[in-house]
Amino acid sequence: MYKVMTGLLCFLTCTAVASDAQYFWRFGDGSVSHEAEPEHQYEQPGIYTVTREVYQDGKLLESSQKLVDLISPKISGLVIVQPDEVVQGQNVEFLASLTSSEPLDLNYQWFVAGEPIASGSQTGKLTTQFADSGIIELSVDAMWQQTVVSSASIQLSIEQSENEKPDGEDGDGSDGGDENPGGDNSDGGSDNGSGQTPGKDDGSDNKTPDTGKSNDGGSGGSLHFLMLFFAGACAIRRRR
């Protein structure tokens, strides 16, 4: 694509072998060489495996490999750009922001709590949502093919959504106790069905508040007084 690198020379050395040995180099980009100490120029940045083989009389004397990393030295930093607020159950977007000396053709692998959730993203953008609130680790690997060249991670705080927040202490405004909309009835009495609410039962039998005498006793005393009054009146008349 747009990532073209010119003028980069990769010098490869080898150990001393017989003067009549034959060499076979593979540079990992499709190029080969039969020189003892070749000089190779890569046209594009990447991570290449260089293979060197030495033969004598058709027999393999030596074989070795070297990894040439032309990606990592160009990376100066990788950070995760996150939104100001992350709410449970809402879509949010994250960006893996890579700083490098030149554009690099990388892929990005995202992880939540160590588990991969997206891969193959060349833009470094991730759009996702979280089912649970709390603190969780979000991380990303910048990769050249299958090789990780840089990593970044953050501790993400996920806020609880309004729909998931519990109601107030009572929920529906009640405190869970029994209410008495019709009256105070605080002395423990109950409605007897006649619209009256008797007082607390303390063992007394219809005592009046003033004298403590029963209602029946009061009526009997009045009748006895009237009978004595009429008897006295009759006695006076007879004397006359």
Protein backbone atom coordinates (compact mmCIF):
# COMPACT_ATOMS: atom_id res chain seq x y z
CA MET A 1 0.00 0.00 0.00
CA TYR A 2 1.38 3.39 1.02
CA LYS A 3 4.15 1.99 3.20
CA VAL A 4 7.22 1.92 0.97
CA MET A 5 10.69 1.91 2.44
CA THR A 6 13.75 2.60 0.31
CA GLY A 7 17.44 2.78 1.06
CA LEU A 8 17.27 0.27 3.97
CA LEU A 9 20.13 -2.20 3.81
CA CYS A 10 20.24 -5.38 5.82
CA PHE A 11 23.78 -6.73 6.26
CA LEU A 12 23.96 -10.42 7.09
CA THR A 13 27.17 -12.14 8.17
CA CYS A 14 28.02 -15.77 8.31
CA THR A 15 30.49 -18.01 10.07
CA ALA A 16 33.65 -19.25 8.38
CA VAL A 17 33.17 -22.33 6.22
CA ALA A 18 35.06 -24.11 3.48
CA SER A 19 36.07 -21.96 0.55
CA ASP A 20 34.32 -24.21 -1.95
CA ALA A 21 31.00 -24.13 -0.09
CA GLN A 22 27.75 -23.08 -1.79
CA TYR A 23 25.30 -20.66 -0.16
CA PHE A 24 21.61 -20.28 -0.39
CA TRP A 25 19.84 -17.29 1.22
CA ARG A 26 16.11 -16.67 1.49
CA PHE A 27 15.18 -13.19 2.71
CA GLY A 28 11.52 -13.74 3.52
CA ASP A 29 10.19 -11.36 0.87
CA GLY A 30 10.59 -13.76 -2.04
CA SER A 31 14.18 -12.77 -2.82
CA VAL A 32 17.10 -15.22 -2.76
CA SER A 33 20.89 -15.04 -3.09
CA HIS A 34 23.81 -17.44 -3.60
CA GLU A 35 26.51 -15.07 -2.41
CA ALA A 36 28.52 -15.76 0.72
CA GLU A 37 27.77 -12.34 2.25
CA PRO A 38 24.92 -10.79 0.32
CA GLU A 39 23.51 -7.30 0.73
CA HIS A 40 19.73 -7.05 0.58
CA GLN A 41 17.37 -4.12 0.44
CA TYR A 42 13.77 -4.46 1.62
CA GLU A 43 11.23 -2.34 -0.20
CA GLN A 44 8.52 -2.45 2.46
CA PRO A 45 8.58 -2.50 6.26
CA GLY A 46 7.78 -5.79 7.88
CA ILE A 47 9.13 -8.62 9.98
CA TYR A 48 11.06 -11.06 7.85
CA THR A 49 12.67 -14.41 8.56
CA VAL A 50 16.01 -14.74 6.77
CA THR A 51 17.25 -18.29 6.19
CA ARG A 52 20.86 -19.15 5.40
CA GLU A 53 21.98 -22.59 4.20
CA VAL A 54 25.52 -23.76 3.44
CA TYR A 55 26.21 -26.75 1.18
CA GLN A 56 29.36 -28.66 0.22
CA ASP A 57 29.36 -31.37 -2.39
CA GLY A 58 25.58 -31.24 -2.35
CA LYS A 59 25.39 -31.87 1.39
CA LEU A 60 23.93 -29.43 3.88
CA LEU A 61 26.64 -28.28 6.28
CA GLU A 62 24.89 -25.52 8.13
CA SER A 63 21.43 -23.92 8.38
CA SER A 64 20.42 -20.87 10.43
CA GLN A 65 17.66 -18.27 10.64
CA LYS A 66 17.50 -14.69 11.69
CA LEU A 67 14.47 -12.50 12.34
CA VAL A 68 14.72 -9.05 10.79
CA ASP A 69 12.26 -6.68 12.51
CA LEU A 70 11.69 -3.54 10.47
CA ILE A 71 8.45 -2.61 12.32
CA SER A 72 9.12 -2.28 16.06
CA PRO A 73 11.96 0.28 15.75
CA LYS A 74 9.55 2.62 13.98
CA ILE A 75 6.94 2.55 16.80
CA SER A 76 7.31 5.16 19.51
CA GLY A 77 4.05 4.58 21.40
CA LEU A 78 0.58 3.03 21.54
CA VAL A 79 -2.30 4.34 23.68
CA ILE A 80 -6.03 3.61 23.94
CA VAL A 81 -8.25 6.65 23.41
CA GLN A 82 -11.50 6.24 25.35
CA PRO A 83 -14.70 8.33 25.69
CA ASP A 84 -15.29 10.51 28.75
CA GLU A 85 -18.09 8.24 29.95
CA VAL A 86 -18.72 4.52 29.53
CA VAL A 87 -22.23 3.43 30.55
CA GLN A 88 -23.43 -0.12 30.97
CA GLY A 89 -25.42 -1.38 27.97
CA GLN A 90 -24.55 1.57 25.69
CA ASN A 91 -22.36 1.44 22.57
CA VAL A 92 -18.96 3.11 23.00
CA GLU A 93 -16.00 3.54 20.67
CA PHE A 94 -12.32 3.11 21.47
CA LEU A 95 -9.29 3.88 19.32
CA ALA A 96 -5.82 2.35 19.36
CA SER A 97 -3.64 5.40 18.64
CA LEU A 98 -0.24 4.35 17.29
CA THR A 99 2.66 6.80 17.04
CA SER A 100 5.34 5.79 14.53
CA SER A 101 8.01 7.36 12.34
CA GLU A 102 6.05 6.34 9.25
CA PRO A 103 2.67 4.74 8.49
CA LEU A 104 2.56 1.04 9.26
CA ASP A 105 0.14 -1.56 7.96
CA LEU A 106 -0.87 -3.26 11.22
CA ASN A 107 -3.79 -5.22 12.59
CA TYR A 108 -5.25 -4.85 16.09
CA GLN A 109 -6.49 -7.46 18.53
CA TRP A 110 -8.70 -6.22 21.40
CA PHE A 111 -9.16 -7.93 24.76
CA VAL A 112 -11.61 -7.46 27.64
CA ALA A 113 -10.41 -9.00 30.91
CA GLY A 114 -7.91 -11.01 28.87
CA GLU A 115 -10.50 -12.43 26.49
CA PRO A 116 -10.32 -11.48 22.77
CA ILE A 117 -13.42 -9.64 21.53
CA ALA A 118 -12.39 -8.30 18.10
CA SER A 119 -9.59 -8.89 15.64
CA GLY A 120 -8.44 -8.01 12.15
CA SER A 121 -9.18 -4.31 12.56
CA GLN A 122 -6.80 -2.24 10.46
CA THR A 123 -8.16 1.10 11.69
CA GLY A 124 -7.64 0.30 15.36
CA LYS A 125 -11.25 1.26 16.18
CA LEU A 126 -13.43 -0.81 18.46
CA THR A 127 -17.18 -0.30 18.96
CA THR A 128 -18.71 -2.39 21.70
CA GLN A 129 -20.86 -2.31 24.84
CA PHE A 130 -20.54 -3.81 28.29
CA ALA A 131 -23.29 -5.81 29.98
CA ASP A 132 -22.02 -5.25 33.52
CA SER A 133 -20.86 -2.21 35.44
CA GLY A 134 -17.64 -1.97 37.45
CA ILE A 135 -13.89 -1.90 36.77
CA ILE A 136 -12.53 -4.00 33.91
CA GLU A 137 -9.27 -4.19 31.93
CA LEU A 138 -9.33 -3.27 28.25
CA SER A 139 -6.21 -4.00 26.21
CA VAL A 140 -5.07 -4.07 22.59
CA ASP A 141 -2.20 -5.64 20.66
CA ALA A 142 -0.78 -4.01 17.53
CA MET A 143 0.25 -6.85 15.22
CA TRP A 144 2.25 -7.31 12.07
CA GLN A 145 0.62 -10.41 10.61
CA GLN A 146 0.79 -12.77 13.62
CA THR A 147 3.57 -10.99 15.50
CA VAL A 148 2.77 -8.54 18.33
CA VAL A 149 4.86 -5.38 17.91
CA SER A 150 3.25 -3.17 20.59
CA SER A 151 0.61 -3.40 23.35
CA ALA A 152 -1.44 -1.07 25.54
CA SER A 153 -4.02 -1.52 28.32
CA ILE A 154 -6.26 0.58 30.58
CA GLN A 155 -8.45 0.03 33.62
CA LEU A 156 -11.94 0.94 32.41
CA SER A 157 -14.66 2.20 34.77
CA ILE A 158 -18.14 1.25 33.54
CA GLU A 159 -20.98 3.20 35.12
CA GLN A 160 -24.32 1.64 35.96
CA SER A 161 -27.14 2.60 33.62
CA GLU A 162 -30.23 4.38 34.90
CA ASN A 163 -32.39 1.37 34.06
CA GLU A 164 -30.25 -0.87 36.23
CA LYS A 165 -30.07 1.40 39.26
CA PRO A 166 -32.21 0.21 42.20
CA ASP A 167 -35.20 2.28 43.33
CA GLY A 168 -35.21 4.32 46.54
CA GLU A 169 -35.32 2.72 49.92
CA ASP A 170 -39.05 2.05 49.64
CA GLY A 171 -39.30 1.72 45.89
CA ASP A 172 -42.94 2.88 45.69
CA GLY A 173 -42.63 5.48 48.41
CA SER A 174 -43.86 3.25 51.23
CA ASP A 175 -41.68 2.16 54.09
CA GLY A 176 -43.00 -1.38 54.07
CA GLY A 177 -45.14 -0.86 57.20
CA ASP A 178 -48.91 -0.90 57.54
CA GLU A 179 -50.55 2.44 57.00
CA ASN A 180 -53.73 3.68 58.71
CA PRO A 181 -55.31 6.17 56.30
CA GLY A 182 -58.65 6.15 58.11
CA GLY A 183 -57.40 7.20 61.52
CA ASP A 184 -54.66 7.06 64.05
CA ASN A 185 -55.62 3.80 65.74
CA SER A 186 -52.23 3.84 67.36
CA ASP A 187 -53.36 2.12 70.55
CA GLY A 188 -53.58 -1.26 68.88
CA GLY A 189 -57.41 -1.34 68.66
CA SER A 190 -59.12 -2.75 65.63
CA ASP A 191 -62.30 -1.84 63.84
CA ASN A 192 -65.18 -3.92 65.23
CA GLY A 193 -67.33 -3.48 62.13
CA SER A 194 -69.69 -0.91 63.66
CA GLY A 195 -67.60 2.13 62.75
CA GLN A 196 -66.26 2.43 66.29
CA THR A 197 -62.73 1.81 67.38
CA PRO A 198 -62.61 0.67 70.97
CA GLY A 199 -59.67 1.54 73.14
CA LYS A 200 -56.92 -0.73 74.18
CA ASP A 201 -58.04 -3.79 76.06
CA ASP A 202 -56.40 -3.45 79.47
CA GLY A 203 -58.61 -5.91 81.37
CA SER A 204 -61.24 -3.33 82.50
CA ASP A 205 -64.92 -3.92 81.89
CA ASN A 206 -66.41 -0.74 80.41
CA LYS A 207 -65.09 1.51 83.17
CA THR A 208 -66.09 5.16 82.90
CA PRO A 209 -63.19 7.64 82.75
CA ASP A 210 -64.38 9.81 85.69
CA THR A 211 -65.42 7.46 88.51
CA GLY A 212 -64.20 4.07 87.52
CA LYS A 213 -67.71 2.71 88.18
CA SER A 214 -69.40 0.49 85.68
CA ASN A 215 -72.17 1.88 83.53
CA ASP A 216 -74.65 -0.69 84.90
CA GLY A 217 -73.85 0.28 88.48
CA GLY A 218 -74.56 3.95 87.74
CA SER A 219 -78.01 3.24 86.29
CA GLY A 220 -78.97 1.00 89.23
CA GLY A 221 -77.97 3.69 91.77
CA SER A 222 -80.19 6.33 90.10
CA LEU A 223 -83.20 4.01 90.10
CA HIS A 224 -82.73 3.17 93.78
CA PHE A 225 -82.59 6.88 94.65
CA LEU A 226 -85.89 7.55 92.80
CA MET A 227 -87.62 4.68 94.58
CA LEU A 228 -86.56 6.03 98.00
CA PHE A 229 -87.74 9.54 97.01
CA PHE A 230 -91.23 8.32 96.05
CA ALA A 231 -91.50 6.20 99.18
CA GLY A 232 -90.68 9.17 101.38
CA ALA A 233 -93.26 11.36 99.62
CA CYS A 234 -95.95 8.76 100.12
CA ALA A 235 -95.14 8.53 103.85
CA ILE A 236 -95.52 12.27 104.29
CA ARG A 237 -98.94 12.28 102.59
CA ARG A 238 -100.19 9.56 104.86
CA ARG A 239 -99.18 11.51 107.97
CA ARG A 240 -101.21 14.48 106.77
